[in-house]
Protein backbone atom coordinates (compact mmCIF):
# COMPACT_ATOMS: atom_id res chain seq x y z
CA UNK A 1 -5.17 39.22 29.44
CA UNK A 2 -2.87 37.02 27.34
CA UNK A 3 -3.77 35.34 24.09
CA UNK A 4 -2.31 32.22 22.54
CA UNK A 5 -0.77 32.95 19.19
CA UNK A 6 -2.29 31.17 16.24
CA UNK A 7 -0.43 28.15 14.95
CA UNK A 8 1.02 29.04 11.55
CA UNK A 9 -0.02 26.96 8.56
CA UNK A 10 2.73 24.61 7.35
CA UNK A 11 4.45 25.49 4.09
CA UNK A 12 3.56 22.80 1.56
CA UNK A 13 5.25 24.49 -1.36
CA UNK A 14 7.84 21.74 -1.86
CA UNK A 15 5.96 18.70 -0.58
CA UNK A 16 4.69 17.74 -4.03
CA UNK A 17 5.12 18.73 -7.65
CA UNK A 18 3.52 17.92 -10.98
CA UNK A 19 5.20 14.84 -12.48
CA UNK A 20 6.94 14.01 -15.73
CA UNK A 21 5.61 10.59 -16.60
CA UNK A 22 6.51 7.97 -19.17
CA UNK A 23 3.56 6.15 -20.74
CA UNK A 24 3.45 3.24 -23.17
CA UNK A 25 3.54 4.46 -26.74
CA UNK A 26 0.49 4.06 -29.02
CA UNK A 27 0.14 0.59 -30.44
CA UNK A 28 1.19 -1.29 -27.28
CA UNK A 29 -1.46 -3.70 -26.00
CA UNK A 30 -2.41 -1.97 -22.73
CA UNK A 31 -4.14 -4.96 -21.22
CA UNK A 32 -0.82 -6.82 -21.22
CA UNK A 33 1.11 -3.70 -20.25
CA UNK A 34 -0.55 -3.21 -16.84
CA UNK A 35 0.01 -5.76 -14.06
CA UNK A 36 -0.81 -5.81 -10.37
CA UNK A 37 1.50 -4.69 -7.55
CA UNK A 38 4.55 -6.88 -6.99
CA UNK A 39 3.73 -7.53 -3.32
CA UNK A 40 0.46 -9.33 -4.11
CA UNK A 41 -0.14 -13.13 -4.42
CA UNK A 42 3.17 -13.82 -2.61
CA UNK A 43 1.80 -17.16 -1.42
CA UNK A 44 0.51 -18.02 -4.92
CA UNK A 45 3.48 -18.18 -7.35
CA UNK A 46 1.14 -19.92 -9.80
CA UNK A 47 -0.62 -16.54 -10.27
CA UNK A 48 2.62 -15.02 -11.53
CA UNK A 49 3.43 -18.04 -13.73
CA UNK A 50 0.02 -17.73 -15.38
CA UNK A 51 0.64 -14.02 -15.86
CA UNK A 52 3.98 -14.77 -17.51
CA UNK A 53 2.30 -17.21 -19.86
CA UNK A 54 -0.38 -14.69 -20.83
CA UNK A 55 1.98 -11.72 -21.34
CA UNK A 56 4.77 -13.65 -23.05
CA UNK A 57 7.32 -11.36 -24.70
CA UNK A 58 4.87 -8.45 -25.22
CA UNK A 59 5.89 -5.07 -23.77
CA UNK A 60 4.67 -5.13 -20.18
CA UNK A 61 5.34 -3.75 -16.75
CA UNK A 62 5.64 -7.42 -15.75
CA UNK A 63 9.14 -7.28 -17.22
CA UNK A 64 9.97 -4.18 -15.17
CA UNK A 65 9.08 -5.39 -11.67
CA UNK A 66 10.23 -8.09 -9.24
CA UNK A 67 7.22 -10.10 -7.99
CA UNK A 68 7.87 -10.79 -4.31
CA UNK A 69 6.74 -14.38 -4.73
CA UNK A 70 10.22 -14.88 -6.18
CA UNK A 71 12.25 -12.94 -3.58
CA UNK A 72 13.88 -16.09 -2.21
CA UNK A 73 14.60 -17.61 -5.62
CA UNK A 74 18.13 -18.65 -6.55
CA UNK A 75 18.03 -16.48 -9.65
CA UNK A 76 17.13 -13.25 -7.84
CA UNK A 77 20.32 -11.43 -8.98
CA UNK A 78 19.72 -12.43 -12.57
CA UNK A 79 16.11 -11.26 -12.35
CA UNK A 80 17.18 -7.83 -11.12
CA UNK A 81 19.76 -7.52 -13.91
CA UNK A 82 17.14 -8.50 -16.47
CA UNK A 83 14.62 -5.97 -15.11
CA UNK A 84 17.13 -3.15 -15.26
CA UNK A 85 18.26 -4.09 -18.75
CA UNK A 86 14.63 -4.17 -19.95
CA UNK A 87 14.06 -0.67 -18.60
CA UNK A 88 17.01 0.61 -20.60
CA UNK A 89 15.81 -1.24 -23.71
CA UNK A 90 12.26 0.12 -23.48
CA UNK A 91 13.63 3.68 -23.23
CA UNK A 92 16.15 3.13 -26.01
CA UNK A 93 13.53 1.64 -28.37
CA UNK A 94 11.02 4.42 -27.66
CA UNK A 95 8.42 2.14 -26.10
CA UNK A 96 7.84 4.81 -23.46
CA UNK A 97 6.86 8.37 -24.31
CA UNK A 98 6.98 11.35 -21.91
CA UNK A 99 3.98 13.23 -20.57
CA UNK A 100 4.33 16.34 -18.42
CA UNK A 101 1.75 17.16 -15.76
CA UNK A 102 -0.61 15.64 -13.23
CA UNK A 103 -2.94 12.84 -14.28
CA UNK A 104 -6.45 11.99 -13.07
CA UNK A 105 -6.71 8.22 -12.61
CA UNK A 106 -10.02 6.37 -12.63
CA UNK A 107 -9.98 2.74 -11.48
CA UNK A 108 -13.20 0.75 -11.65
CA UNK A 109 -13.45 -2.27 -9.37
CA UNK A 110 -16.36 -4.19 -7.84
CA UNK A 111 -16.46 -1.45 -5.19
CA UNK A 112 -17.13 1.34 -7.73
CA UNK A 113 -14.84 3.85 -9.46
CA UNK A 114 -11.93 5.09 -7.38
CA UNK A 115 -10.30 8.36 -8.41
CA UNK A 116 -6.78 9.59 -7.75
CA UNK A 117 -4.09 12.03 -8.87
CA UNK A 118 -0.60 11.14 -10.04
CA UNK A 119 1.87 13.47 -8.30
CA UNK A 120 5.53 13.45 -7.28
CA UNK A 121 6.23 13.67 -3.53
CA UNK A 122 9.41 15.20 -2.13
CA UNK A 123 11.18 12.56 -0.03
CA UNK A 124 12.71 15.28 2.11
CA UNK A 125 9.21 15.69 3.64
CA UNK A 126 8.76 11.93 4.32
CA UNK A 127 9.83 10.25 7.54
CA UNK A 128 8.89 6.61 8.15
CA UNK A 129 10.14 6.43 11.74
CA UNK A 130 7.55 5.51 14.42
CA UNK A 131 7.73 9.01 15.91
CA UNK A 132 7.36 10.82 12.61
CA UNK A 133 5.70 14.23 12.57
CA UNK A 134 6.43 14.94 8.89
CA UNK A 135 3.82 16.02 6.37
CA UNK A 136 4.17 12.64 4.65
CA UNK A 137 3.92 9.67 7.03
CA UNK A 138 3.35 5.91 6.94
CA UNK A 139 0.16 4.34 8.24
CA UNK A 140 1.87 1.09 9.13
CA UNK A 141 5.18 0.17 10.73
CA UNK A 142 8.14 -0.10 8.39
CA UNK A 143 10.25 -3.26 8.58
CA UNK A 144 13.71 -1.97 7.72
CA UNK A 145 14.97 -5.47 6.99
CA UNK A 146 12.41 -5.72 4.14
CA UNK A 147 13.97 -2.81 2.32
CA UNK A 148 17.21 -4.55 1.29
CA UNK A 149 15.89 -6.56 -1.70
CA UNK A 150 13.84 -3.58 -2.90
CA UNK A 151 16.92 -1.37 -2.69
CA UNK A 152 18.81 -3.80 -4.91
CA UNK A 153 16.07 -3.52 -7.57
CA UNK A 154 15.82 0.24 -7.42
CA UNK A 155 19.48 1.21 -7.01
CA UNK A 156 20.48 0.54 -10.60
CA UNK A 157 17.08 1.16 -12.16
CA UNK A 158 16.33 3.83 -14.76
CA UNK A 159 12.64 3.94 -13.89
CA UNK A 160 10.26 3.70 -11.00
CA UNK A 161 6.79 2.24 -11.50
CA UNK A 162 4.65 3.04 -8.49
CA UNK A 163 2.06 0.90 -6.75
CA UNK A 164 1.97 3.50 -3.94
CA UNK A 165 -1.41 4.87 -2.88
CA UNK A 166 -1.24 7.92 -0.63
CA UNK A 167 -4.26 9.10 1.31
CA UNK A 168 -5.63 12.57 1.96
CA UNK A 169 -8.36 13.37 4.48
CA UNK A 170 -10.76 15.45 2.40
CA UNK A 171 -14.27 14.89 3.74
CA UNK A 172 -15.56 17.92 1.83
CA UNK A 173 -14.13 16.51 -1.43
CA UNK A 174 -12.33 19.71 -2.47
CA UNK A 175 -9.16 18.34 -4.12
CA UNK A 176 -9.75 15.40 -6.45
CA UNK A 177 -13.51 15.36 -6.97
CA UNK A 178 -13.83 18.78 -8.68
CA UNK A 179 -11.23 17.65 -11.24
CA UNK A 180 -13.06 14.38 -11.76
CA UNK A 181 -16.38 16.21 -12.21
CA UNK A 182 -14.92 18.09 -15.17
CA UNK A 183 -13.23 15.10 -16.80
CA UNK A 184 -15.26 15.45 -20.01
CA UNK A 185 -13.08 18.49 -20.67
CA UNK A 186 -9.81 16.60 -19.98
CA UNK A 187 -7.68 14.92 -22.65
CA UNK A 188 -7.77 11.11 -22.34
CA UNK A 189 -4.36 9.43 -22.00
CA UNK A 190 -5.12 5.75 -21.63
CA UNK A 191 -8.11 3.43 -21.29
CA UNK A 192 -7.89 -0.30 -20.78
CA UNK A 193 -9.40 -3.37 -19.19
CA UNK A 194 -7.10 -4.96 -16.61
CA UNK A 195 -6.13 -8.62 -16.37
CA UNK A 196 -7.12 -11.17 -13.74
CA UNK A 197 -10.25 -9.45 -12.49
CA UNK A 198 -8.56 -6.11 -11.98
CA UNK A 199 -11.40 -4.05 -13.44
CA UNK A 200 -10.80 -1.04 -15.70
CA UNK A 201 -8.26 1.81 -15.76
CA UNK A 202 -8.46 5.26 -17.37
CA UNK A 203 -6.16 8.28 -17.21
CA UNK A 204 -6.74 11.91 -18.13
CA UNK A 205 -4.34 14.83 -18.50
CA UNK A 206 -5.17 17.51 -15.96
CA UNK A 207 -5.52 21.03 -17.29
CA UNK A 208 -3.12 23.73 -16.16
CA UNK A 209 -5.76 25.75 -14.32
CA UNK A 210 -6.88 22.74 -12.31
CA UNK A 211 -3.31 21.79 -11.49
CA UNK A 212 -2.61 25.33 -10.26
CA UNK A 213 -5.46 25.00 -7.75
CA UNK A 214 -3.91 21.95 -6.07
CA UNK A 215 -1.58 24.07 -3.91
CA UNK A 216 -4.55 25.97 -2.53
CA UNK A 217 -6.90 23.01 -1.92
CA UNK A 218 -4.23 20.79 -0.40
CA UNK A 219 -2.93 23.55 1.87
CA UNK A 220 -6.45 24.11 3.18
CA UNK A 221 -6.57 20.51 4.43
CA UNK A 222 -3.89 21.25 7.02
CA UNK A 223 -4.92 24.71 8.13
CA UNK A 224 -4.22 24.20 11.86
CA UNK A 225 -7.59 24.90 13.45
CA UNK A 226 -9.65 23.12 10.81
CA UNK A 227 -7.21 20.18 10.84
CA UNK A 228 -7.40 19.71 14.61
CA UNK A 229 -11.18 19.95 14.61
CA UNK A 230 -11.65 17.59 11.67
CA UNK A 231 -9.32 14.92 13.03
CA UNK A 232 -10.40 15.36 16.69
CA UNK A 233 -6.81 15.83 17.85
CA UNK A 234 -5.38 18.40 20.32
CA UNK A 235 -4.61 21.86 18.91
CA UNK A 236 -1.01 22.10 17.81
CA UNK A 237 -0.81 18.44 16.71
CA UNK A 238 1.67 18.24 13.85
CA UNK A 239 -0.45 17.97 10.71
CA UNK A 240 -0.22 15.11 8.25
CA UNK A 241 -1.09 15.93 4.66
CA UNK A 242 -0.22 12.67 2.92
CA UNK A 243 -0.61 9.28 4.63
CA UNK A 244 0.99 6.33 2.85
CA UNK A 245 -1.74 3.69 2.60
CA UNK A 246 -0.32 1.13 0.14
CA UNK A 247 3.31 0.74 -0.89
CA UNK A 248 4.87 2.10 2.31
CA UNK A 249 7.93 -0.13 1.88
CA UNK A 250 8.38 1.00 -1.71
CA UNK A 251 8.35 4.66 -0.62
CA UNK A 252 10.66 3.85 2.28
CA UNK A 253 13.05 2.21 -0.21
CA UNK A 254 13.08 5.39 -2.30
CA UNK A 255 13.76 7.42 0.85
CA UNK A 256 16.59 5.13 1.96
CA UNK A 257 18.35 5.41 -1.42
CA UNK A 258 17.88 9.17 -1.47
CA UNK A 259 19.37 9.50 2.01
CA UNK A 260 22.38 7.45 0.99
CA UNK A 261 23.09 9.39 -2.20
CA UNK A 262 21.79 12.94 -1.83
CA UNK A 263 25.15 14.45 -0.87
CA UNK A 264 26.68 13.10 -4.07
CA UNK A 265 23.73 13.64 -6.41
CA UNK A 266 22.71 17.10 -5.29
CA UNK A 267 19.29 18.50 -4.37
CA UNK A 268 17.82 18.56 -7.88
CA UNK A 269 18.35 14.93 -8.78
CA UNK A 270 15.16 13.12 -9.92
CA UNK A 271 15.55 10.45 -7.21
CA UNK A 272 14.68 13.07 -4.61
CA UNK A 273 11.04 12.61 -5.60
CA UNK A 274 8.78 9.59 -5.87
CA UNK A 275 5.75 9.06 -8.08
CA UNK A 276 2.53 8.17 -6.24
CA UNK A 277 -1.21 8.13 -6.71
CA UNK A 278 -3.07 10.37 -4.20
CA UNK A 279 -6.55 9.18 -3.17
CA UNK A 280 -9.17 10.63 -0.86
CA UNK A 281 -9.78 8.29 2.09
CA UNK A 282 -13.46 9.29 1.83
CA UNK A 283 -13.80 7.94 -1.70
CA UNK A 284 -16.70 5.47 -1.48
CA UNK A 285 -14.95 3.08 -3.88
CA UNK A 286 -11.86 2.84 -1.62
CA UNK A 287 -12.47 -0.37 0.31
CA UNK A 288 -10.54 -1.40 3.42
CA UNK A 289 -9.91 -5.10 3.90
CA UNK A 290 -8.03 -7.08 6.56
CA UNK A 291 -4.66 -8.67 5.86
CA UNK A 292 -4.71 -12.20 7.22
CA UNK A 293 -1.78 -14.30 8.42
CA UNK A 294 -0.89 -17.65 6.87
CA UNK A 295 1.56 -19.91 8.73
CA UNK A 296 3.69 -22.38 6.79
CA UNK A 297 5.55 -25.40 8.07
CA UNK A 298 3.37 -25.66 11.21
CA UNK A 299 4.82 -28.11 13.68
CA UNK A 300 3.40 -26.91 16.97
CA UNK A 301 -0.08 -26.90 18.47
CA UNK A 302 -1.18 -23.33 17.80
CA UNK A 303 -4.24 -23.41 20.02
CA UNK A 304 -2.24 -24.78 22.95
CA UNK A 305 0.37 -22.09 22.38
CA UNK A 306 -2.35 -19.43 22.50
CA UNK A 307 -3.66 -20.87 25.78
CA UNK A 308 -0.15 -20.84 27.26
CA UNK A 309 0.47 -17.22 26.19
CA UNK A 310 -2.86 -15.64 27.20
CA UNK A 311 -4.08 -17.97 29.94
CA UNK A 312 -7.42 -17.09 31.47
CA UNK A 313 -7.78 -14.05 29.15
CA UNK A 314 -8.32 -16.41 26.19
CA UNK A 315 -11.52 -18.10 25.12
CA UNK A 316 -11.48 -20.52 22.16
CA UNK A 317 -14.80 -21.34 20.56
CA UNK A 318 -15.08 -23.99 17.89
CA UNK A 319 -17.52 -23.20 15.06
CA UNK A 320 -18.91 -25.28 12.23
CA UNK A 321 -17.93 -23.27 9.18
CA UNK A 322 -15.88 -20.36 7.84
CA UNK A 323 -18.84 -17.96 7.48
CA UNK A 324 -19.76 -18.29 11.17
CA UNK A 325 -16.14 -17.66 12.08
CA UNK A 326 -16.00 -14.49 9.91
CA UNK A 327 -19.23 -13.11 11.34
CA UNK A 328 -18.21 -13.63 14.96
CA UNK A 329 -14.77 -12.05 14.45
CA UNK A 330 -16.21 -8.96 12.76
CA UNK A 331 -18.86 -8.57 15.48
CA UNK A 332 -16.47 -8.75 18.44
CA UNK A 333 -17.09 -5.80 20.74
CA UNK A 334 -14.35 -3.53 22.07
CA UNK A 335 -12.43 -3.92 24.34
CA UNK A 336 -12.50 -7.64 23.68
CA UNK A 337 -10.44 -8.70 20.67
CA UNK A 338 -11.09 -11.60 18.35
CA UNK A 339 -9.55 -13.41 15.39
CA UNK A 340 -10.28 -16.64 13.58
CA UNK A 341 -8.20 -19.79 13.16
CA UNK A 342 -8.45 -21.92 10.00
CA UNK A 343 -6.94 -25.40 10.12
CA UNK A 344 -5.46 -27.85 10.40
CA UNK A 345 -7.87 -29.15 7.80
CA UNK A 346 -11.52 -28.08 7.90
CA UNK A 347 -11.28 -26.83 11.47
CA UNK A 348 -12.57 -23.32 12.40
CA UNK A 349 -12.11 -21.54 15.71
CA UNK A 350 -12.82 -18.09 17.06
CA UNK A 351 -10.22 -16.84 19.56
CA UNK A 352 -11.40 -14.10 21.94
CA UNK A 353 -8.92 -12.24 24.16
CA UNK A 354 -9.77 -9.93 27.06
CA UNK A 355 -7.39 -7.22 28.30
CA UNK A 356 -5.21 -7.67 25.23
CA UNK A 357 -1.62 -6.32 25.20
CA UNK A 358 -2.09 -4.25 22.03
CA UNK A 359 -4.85 -1.74 21.22
CA UNK A 360 -5.59 -3.53 17.96
CA UNK A 361 -6.19 -7.28 17.36
CA UNK A 362 -3.56 -7.24 14.61
CA UNK A 363 -0.91 -6.07 17.10
CA UNK A 364 -1.84 -8.70 19.63
CA UNK A 365 -1.85 -11.44 16.99
CA UNK A 366 1.42 -10.36 15.37
CA UNK A 367 3.25 -10.49 18.68
CA UNK A 368 2.00 -14.06 19.22
CA UNK A 369 2.87 -15.10 15.66
CA UNK A 370 6.44 -13.79 15.96
CA UNK A 371 6.93 -15.68 19.23
CA UNK A 372 5.32 -18.86 17.88
CA UNK A 373 7.70 -18.91 14.89
CA UNK A 374 10.71 -18.09 17.08
CA UNK A 375 9.83 -21.06 19.29
CA UNK A 376 9.74 -23.40 16.29
CA UNK A 377 5.98 -23.72 16.07
CA UNK A 378 5.98 -22.76 12.40
CA UNK A 379 8.58 -22.09 9.73
CA UNK A 380 7.31 -18.72 8.44
CA UNK A 381 4.36 -16.38 8.00
CA UNK A 382 2.91 -14.82 4.88
CA UNK A 383 0.33 -12.05 4.57
CA UNK A 384 -2.78 -12.93 2.61
CA UNK A 385 -5.60 -10.85 1.09
CA UNK A 386 -9.07 -12.34 0.77
CA UNK A 387 -11.12 -14.52 3.07
CA UNK A 388 -11.58 -17.26 0.47
CA UNK A 389 -7.85 -17.41 -0.26
CA UNK A 390 -6.99 -17.69 3.44
CA UNK A 391 -9.56 -20.42 4.01
CA UNK A 392 -8.36 -22.43 1.01
CA UNK A 393 -4.71 -22.19 1.90
CA UNK A 394 -5.21 -22.54 5.68
CA UNK A 395 -6.75 -25.97 5.23
CA UNK A 396 -3.76 -27.34 3.32
CA UNK A 397 -1.33 -29.69 5.03
CA UNK A 398 1.23 -27.99 7.31
CA UNK A 399 -0.53 -24.64 7.14
CA UNK A 400 -2.82 -22.61 9.40
CA UNK A 401 -4.70 -19.44 8.57
CA UNK A 402 -5.34 -16.58 11.01
CA UNK A 403 -8.35 -14.44 10.10
CA UNK A 404 -8.59 -10.78 11.14
CA UNK A 405 -11.40 -8.22 11.04
CA UNK A 406 -11.27 -5.00 9.04
CA UNK A 407 -9.78 -1.84 10.55
CA UNK A 408 -12.47 0.88 10.01
CA UNK A 409 -11.04 3.45 7.60
CA UNK A 410 -12.85 6.21 9.49
CA UNK A 411 -10.48 5.60 12.42
CA UNK A 412 -7.22 5.16 10.52
CA UNK A 413 -5.76 8.67 10.19
CA UNK A 414 -6.68 9.72 13.71
CA UNK A 415 -5.02 6.60 15.12
CA UNK A 416 -1.84 7.40 13.19
CA UNK A 417 -1.85 11.03 14.40
CA UNK A 418 -2.31 10.06 18.05
CA UNK A 419 -0.40 6.80 18.30
CA UNK A 420 1.90 6.58 15.29
CA UNK A 421 1.89 3.92 12.57
CA UNK A 422 -0.26 0.85 13.01
CA UNK A 423 1.39 -2.57 13.34
CA UNK A 424 2.75 -3.91 10.09
CA UNK A 425 0.25 -5.37 7.67
CA UNK A 426 -2.71 -4.11 9.73
CA UNK A 427 -5.06 -3.44 6.80
CA UNK A 428 -5.29 -3.48 3.04
CA UNK A 429 -6.98 -1.08 0.69
CA UNK A 430 -9.00 -3.71 -1.15
CA UNK A 431 -8.18 -7.33 -1.91
CA UNK A 432 -5.28 -8.37 -4.12
CA UNK A 433 -7.03 -7.80 -7.48
CA UNK A 434 -8.15 -4.29 -6.30
CA UNK A 435 -4.54 -3.16 -5.76
CA UNK A 436 -2.89 -0.60 -7.95
CA UNK A 437 -1.80 -1.89 -11.33
CA UNK A 438 1.49 -0.62 -12.73
CA UNK A 439 1.01 1.68 -15.68
CA UNK A 440 2.87 4.99 -15.45
CA UNK A 441 6.65 5.17 -15.11
CA UNK A 442 9.05 7.92 -14.10
CA UNK A 443 12.79 8.34 -14.63
CA UNK A 444 14.80 8.28 -11.39
CA UNK A 445 18.20 8.77 -13.03
CA UNK A 446 19.39 11.68 -15.12
CA UNK A 447 18.77 10.94 -18.79
CA UNK A 448 22.46 11.54 -19.56
CA UNK A 449 23.72 9.25 -16.77
């Protein structure tokens, strides 16, 4: 009688390490220091202009990032040079002070208080290719063409400021929650209200004994038998410890630069690692929201183009208001797929597709959008958070909004394990104001360089 040998547990010894952070020195106005992720409000440059007016010349992460609303601006090169110069100035003037060790982050939003850990991930264990089986993987497809402008910002930068949220699948709440439960014994590091409806942010220094337990509790998450049973995947499926939920393109940028330079820099260079916040996907305050599509420069008849592409599989149903549209899209039953159409003007439609070409509505819709733009039906697409924002912008002249339902977070990691990354911009962890605010920094160049 033969027996199948047990699958060995993966070695996670080098996958993460405790970070060395740089935090704003005492006396800096923290409310102005922290700003939302650069890839938010890309269709609303007025948001960033208002932020600039409010922050002014005060020390702020706003001066250390490149809001993507300005990526196509004529002064992009000058902006990058100014960002990098400001990083050097903040370090030279002592506006940033070092802190060694992991940090417990508490972020209060309308959804509750979300908790995470600041750690450094080893980019050698991260692969963003569609067939990735690495311990660190993306949850959405990576658009390599989108990395170029981010690489230009990061290549000459002294610091990284992460808006990356990385997920762990910890249904028993063994990693982060025990640390959070003992936070009254932790030293507070920062505490501030956030601008523009962002809620509240606190950080605590994690004690050495708690940090030492992270290796054990994280390793237990990918013990082969328990992992396969918990995720309902075949035995022997390559385990995934960290799933990149937000900021995948930022982490992919760090990986691309590391791949280009590691032979010259050597294995111990700080750019081998990237600073992230690790969050439990089972955290009740972690909300999943859809990412809608907003078409600009619409010249074609979108509904007619849908009918031509999907034929008898398509049903278009006109509805009287946005709320009815939202409800019908969210209630659509598998295997039928549905999405909403906003515009032109106050015009709302529910599109239902049978026998769709992609397993998810977002994949079906994205394929259509790409073809519609290529055929000249619209000039470009942007990705929008928030139903109200989409409905407001979709009714403006020359624009059409495409409304998607939420991807259930309970299905996310299993889908990635079985089928690879979801289509790009398939979901969002919260609306724009819920996104990670920049606060902590980390050096990605040798201090003597």
